[in-house]
Amino acid sequence: MNVRALLFASYADALGQPAVQLTLPEGATVGDAVTRLRGMPGGASLPASPLVAVNLSYVKPSATLVHGDELALIPPVAGG
């Protein structure tokens, strides 16, 4: 199945692109997708358990993905 991962701020900088198309086996989880992203060039700087939304809803790493899902990896926010 194919899912799209959206990357923002430092995550996009680390992987050198704002979005990545991932091909994963049926039944893959959000955690599996994050592991795949962390294995890409530059991906080692991503946290093991980032905040993730799937189709605009926050989910846990154990959430199962389906073909066509859109993941958004949300980086930590700081400011004043």
N, C-alpha and C. Protein backbone atom coordinates (compact mmCIF):
# COMPACT_ATOMS: atom_id res chain seq x y z
N MET A 1 0.84 -1.18 0.00
CA MET A 1 0.00 0.00 0.00
C MET A 1 0.89 1.24 0.00
N ASN A 2 0.34 2.34 -0.46
CA ASN A 2 1.08 3.60 -0.49
C ASN A 2 0.46 4.60 0.46
N VAL A 3 1.31 5.28 1.21
CA VAL A 3 0.89 6.37 2.09
C VAL A 3 1.83 7.54 1.86
N ARG A 4 1.35 8.72 2.19
CA ARG A 4 2.17 9.93 2.01
C ARG A 4 2.50 10.49 3.39
N ALA A 5 3.77 10.76 3.61
CA ALA A 5 4.22 11.35 4.87
C ALA A 5 4.58 12.81 4.62
N LEU A 6 3.94 13.69 5.35
CA LEU A 6 4.24 15.12 5.27
C LEU A 6 5.24 15.47 6.37
N LEU A 7 6.25 16.22 6.01
CA LEU A 7 7.31 16.59 6.95
C LEU A 7 7.36 18.10 7.06
N PHE A 8 7.54 18.61 8.26
CA PHE A 8 7.56 20.04 8.49
C PHE A 8 8.83 20.46 9.21
N ALA A 9 9.23 21.70 9.01
CA ALA A 9 10.33 22.35 9.73
C ALA A 9 11.58 21.47 9.73
N SER A 10 12.11 21.17 10.91
CA SER A 10 13.37 20.43 11.01
C SER A 10 13.27 19.03 10.42
N TYR A 11 12.08 18.42 10.42
CA TYR A 11 11.92 17.08 9.84
C TYR A 11 12.09 17.15 8.32
N ALA A 12 11.51 18.16 7.69
CA ALA A 12 11.67 18.34 6.25
C ALA A 12 13.13 18.66 5.91
N ASP A 13 13.76 19.48 6.75
CA ASP A 13 15.17 19.80 6.55
C ASP A 13 16.04 18.54 6.63
N ALA A 14 15.74 17.68 7.61
CA ALA A 14 16.55 16.47 7.82
C ALA A 14 16.48 15.53 6.61
N LEU A 15 15.28 15.36 6.05
CA LEU A 15 15.12 14.45 4.92
C LEU A 15 15.25 15.14 3.58
N GLY A 16 15.36 16.48 3.60
CA GLY A 16 15.58 17.22 2.37
C GLY A 16 14.38 17.36 1.46
N GLN A 17 13.19 17.11 2.00
CA GLN A 17 11.97 17.24 1.21
C GLN A 17 10.76 17.38 2.13
N PRO A 18 9.70 18.04 1.65
CA PRO A 18 8.54 18.28 2.50
C PRO A 18 7.56 17.11 2.56
N ALA A 19 7.70 16.14 1.68
CA ALA A 19 6.80 14.99 1.67
C ALA A 19 7.51 13.78 1.08
N VAL A 20 7.11 12.60 1.56
CA VAL A 20 7.71 11.35 1.10
C VAL A 20 6.58 10.36 0.84
N GLN A 21 6.63 9.71 -0.31
CA GLN A 21 5.69 8.64 -0.62
C GLN A 21 6.30 7.34 -0.11
N LEU A 22 5.57 6.60 0.71
CA LEU A 22 6.08 5.35 1.27
C LEU A 22 5.25 4.17 0.77
N THR A 23 5.91 3.11 0.42
CA THR A 23 5.24 1.86 0.10
C THR A 23 5.47 0.92 1.28
N LEU A 24 4.37 0.51 1.90
CA LEU A 24 4.42 -0.32 3.09
C LEU A 24 3.55 -1.55 2.89
N PRO A 25 3.81 -2.63 3.63
CA PRO A 25 2.96 -3.81 3.52
C PRO A 25 1.58 -3.55 4.13
N GLU A 26 0.58 -4.27 3.66
CA GLU A 26 -0.75 -4.16 4.25
C GLU A 26 -0.66 -4.46 5.75
N GLY A 27 -1.41 -3.71 6.54
CA GLY A 27 -1.39 -3.90 7.99
C GLY A 27 -0.29 -3.14 8.70
N ALA A 28 0.50 -2.36 7.96
CA ALA A 28 1.58 -1.59 8.58
C ALA A 28 1.00 -0.54 9.52
N THR A 29 1.79 -0.18 10.52
CA THR A 29 1.36 0.79 11.52
C THR A 29 2.09 2.12 11.32
N VAL A 30 1.63 3.10 12.06
CA VAL A 30 2.32 4.40 12.06
C VAL A 30 3.77 4.20 12.50
N GLY A 31 3.99 3.37 13.51
CA GLY A 31 5.34 3.09 13.96
C GLY A 31 6.21 2.50 12.86
N ASP A 32 5.62 1.64 12.02
CA ASP A 32 6.36 1.07 10.89
C ASP A 32 6.76 2.17 9.91
N ALA A 33 5.85 3.10 9.66
CA ALA A 33 6.14 4.20 8.74
C ALA A 33 7.26 5.08 9.29
N VAL A 34 7.22 5.36 10.59
CA VAL A 34 8.26 6.18 11.21
C VAL A 34 9.61 5.46 11.12
N THR A 35 9.60 4.16 11.36
CA THR A 35 10.84 3.38 11.25
C THR A 35 11.39 3.47 9.84
N ARG A 36 10.53 3.38 8.84
CA ARG A 36 10.97 3.49 7.44
C ARG A 36 11.57 4.86 7.18
N LEU A 37 10.92 5.92 7.68
CA LEU A 37 11.44 7.28 7.50
C LEU A 37 12.78 7.45 8.19
N ARG A 38 12.93 6.88 9.39
CA ARG A 38 14.18 7.00 10.13
C ARG A 38 15.32 6.26 9.43
N GLY A 39 15.00 5.30 8.57
CA GLY A 39 16.01 4.55 7.83
C GLY A 39 16.45 5.23 6.55
N MET A 40 15.79 6.32 6.19
CA MET A 40 16.14 7.05 4.97
C MET A 40 17.33 7.97 5.26
N PRO A 41 18.06 8.39 4.22
CA PRO A 41 19.17 9.33 4.43
C PRO A 41 18.67 10.59 5.16
N GLY A 42 19.31 10.91 6.27
CA GLY A 42 18.93 12.05 7.10
C GLY A 42 17.87 11.73 8.13
N GLY A 43 17.23 10.58 8.01
CA GLY A 43 16.13 10.23 8.89
C GLY A 43 16.52 9.87 10.31
N ALA A 44 17.78 9.57 10.53
CA ALA A 44 18.22 9.19 11.88
C ALA A 44 18.02 10.32 12.89
N SER A 45 17.89 11.55 12.40
CA SER A 45 17.68 12.67 13.32
C SER A 45 16.22 12.81 13.75
N LEU A 46 15.32 12.05 13.13
CA LEU A 46 13.93 12.07 13.57
C LEU A 46 13.81 11.32 14.89
N PRO A 47 12.94 11.77 15.80
CA PRO A 47 12.75 11.03 17.04
C PRO A 47 12.09 9.68 16.77
N ALA A 48 12.31 8.73 17.65
CA ALA A 48 11.73 7.39 17.48
C ALA A 48 10.21 7.42 17.58
N SER A 49 9.67 8.35 18.34
CA SER A 49 8.22 8.44 18.52
C SER A 49 7.74 9.88 18.38
N PRO A 50 7.76 10.42 17.17
CA PRO A 50 7.29 11.80 16.99
C PRO A 50 5.77 11.86 17.11
N LEU A 51 5.26 13.05 17.30
CA LEU A 51 3.82 13.28 17.27
C LEU A 51 3.37 13.12 15.83
N VAL A 52 2.36 12.28 15.60
CA VAL A 52 1.92 11.98 14.24
C VAL A 52 0.41 12.12 14.14
N ALA A 53 -0.04 12.72 13.06
CA ALA A 53 -1.46 12.76 12.72
C ALA A 53 -1.65 11.97 11.43
N VAL A 54 -2.74 11.23 11.37
CA VAL A 54 -3.12 10.53 10.14
C VAL A 54 -4.47 11.08 9.70
N ASN A 55 -4.49 11.60 8.50
CA ASN A 55 -5.72 12.19 7.96
C ASN A 55 -6.32 13.21 8.93
N LEU A 56 -5.44 14.06 9.47
CA LEU A 56 -5.79 15.21 10.33
C LEU A 56 -6.20 14.84 11.75
N SER A 57 -5.99 13.59 12.19
CA SER A 57 -6.29 13.19 13.56
C SER A 57 -5.04 12.61 14.21
N TYR A 58 -4.72 13.06 15.41
CA TYR A 58 -3.55 12.52 16.11
C TYR A 58 -3.77 11.05 16.42
N VAL A 59 -2.70 10.26 16.27
CA VAL A 59 -2.78 8.82 16.47
C VAL A 59 -1.57 8.33 17.26
N LYS A 60 -1.70 7.12 17.78
CA LYS A 60 -0.59 6.46 18.46
C LYS A 60 0.23 5.67 17.44
N PRO A 61 1.46 5.33 17.80
CA PRO A 61 2.30 4.56 16.87
C PRO A 61 1.69 3.21 16.47
N SER A 62 0.80 2.68 17.29
CA SER A 62 0.20 1.38 17.00
C SER A 62 -0.97 1.45 16.02
N ALA A 63 -1.37 2.66 15.61
CA ALA A 63 -2.49 2.80 14.67
C ALA A 63 -2.16 2.16 13.33
N THR A 64 -3.10 1.42 12.79
CA THR A 64 -2.91 0.75 11.51
C THR A 64 -3.21 1.71 10.37
N LEU A 65 -2.37 1.66 9.36
CA LEU A 65 -2.54 2.50 8.17
C LEU A 65 -3.28 1.75 7.08
N VAL A 66 -3.93 2.51 6.19
CA VAL A 66 -4.55 1.92 5.00
C VAL A 66 -4.06 2.69 3.78
N HIS A 67 -4.19 2.07 2.63
CA HIS A 67 -3.75 2.68 1.38
C HIS A 67 -4.35 4.08 1.23
N GLY A 68 -3.49 5.03 0.88
CA GLY A 68 -3.93 6.39 0.64
C GLY A 68 -3.91 7.30 1.86
N ASP A 69 -3.57 6.77 3.03
CA ASP A 69 -3.50 7.62 4.23
C ASP A 69 -2.44 8.69 4.06
N GLU A 70 -2.63 9.79 4.77
CA GLU A 70 -1.66 10.88 4.79
C GLU A 70 -1.20 11.09 6.23
N LEU A 71 0.08 10.86 6.46
CA LEU A 71 0.67 11.06 7.78
C LEU A 71 1.29 12.44 7.83
N ALA A 72 1.18 13.09 8.95
CA ALA A 72 1.88 14.36 9.17
C ALA A 72 2.72 14.19 10.42
N LEU A 73 4.02 14.33 10.28
CA LEU A 73 4.92 14.28 11.44
C LEU A 73 5.06 15.69 11.97
N ILE A 74 4.66 15.87 13.22
CA ILE A 74 4.59 17.19 13.83
C ILE A 74 5.83 17.42 14.69
N PRO A 75 6.69 18.35 14.31
CA PRO A 75 7.89 18.61 15.11
C PRO A 75 7.53 19.40 16.37
N PRO A 76 8.40 19.35 17.37
CA PRO A 76 8.18 20.14 18.58
C PRO A 76 8.12 21.63 18.23
N VAL A 77 7.31 22.34 18.95
CA VAL A 77 7.16 23.78 18.70
C VAL A 77 7.73 24.53 19.89
N ALA A 78 8.48 25.56 19.60
CA ALA A 78 9.04 26.42 20.66
C ALA A 78 8.79 27.86 20.26
N GLY A 79 8.78 28.69 21.20
CA GLY A 79 8.58 30.09 20.88
C GLY A 79 8.34 30.90 22.12
N GLY A 80 8.03 32.13 21.91
CA GLY A 80 7.85 32.97 23.08
C GLY A 80 6.83 34.04 22.87
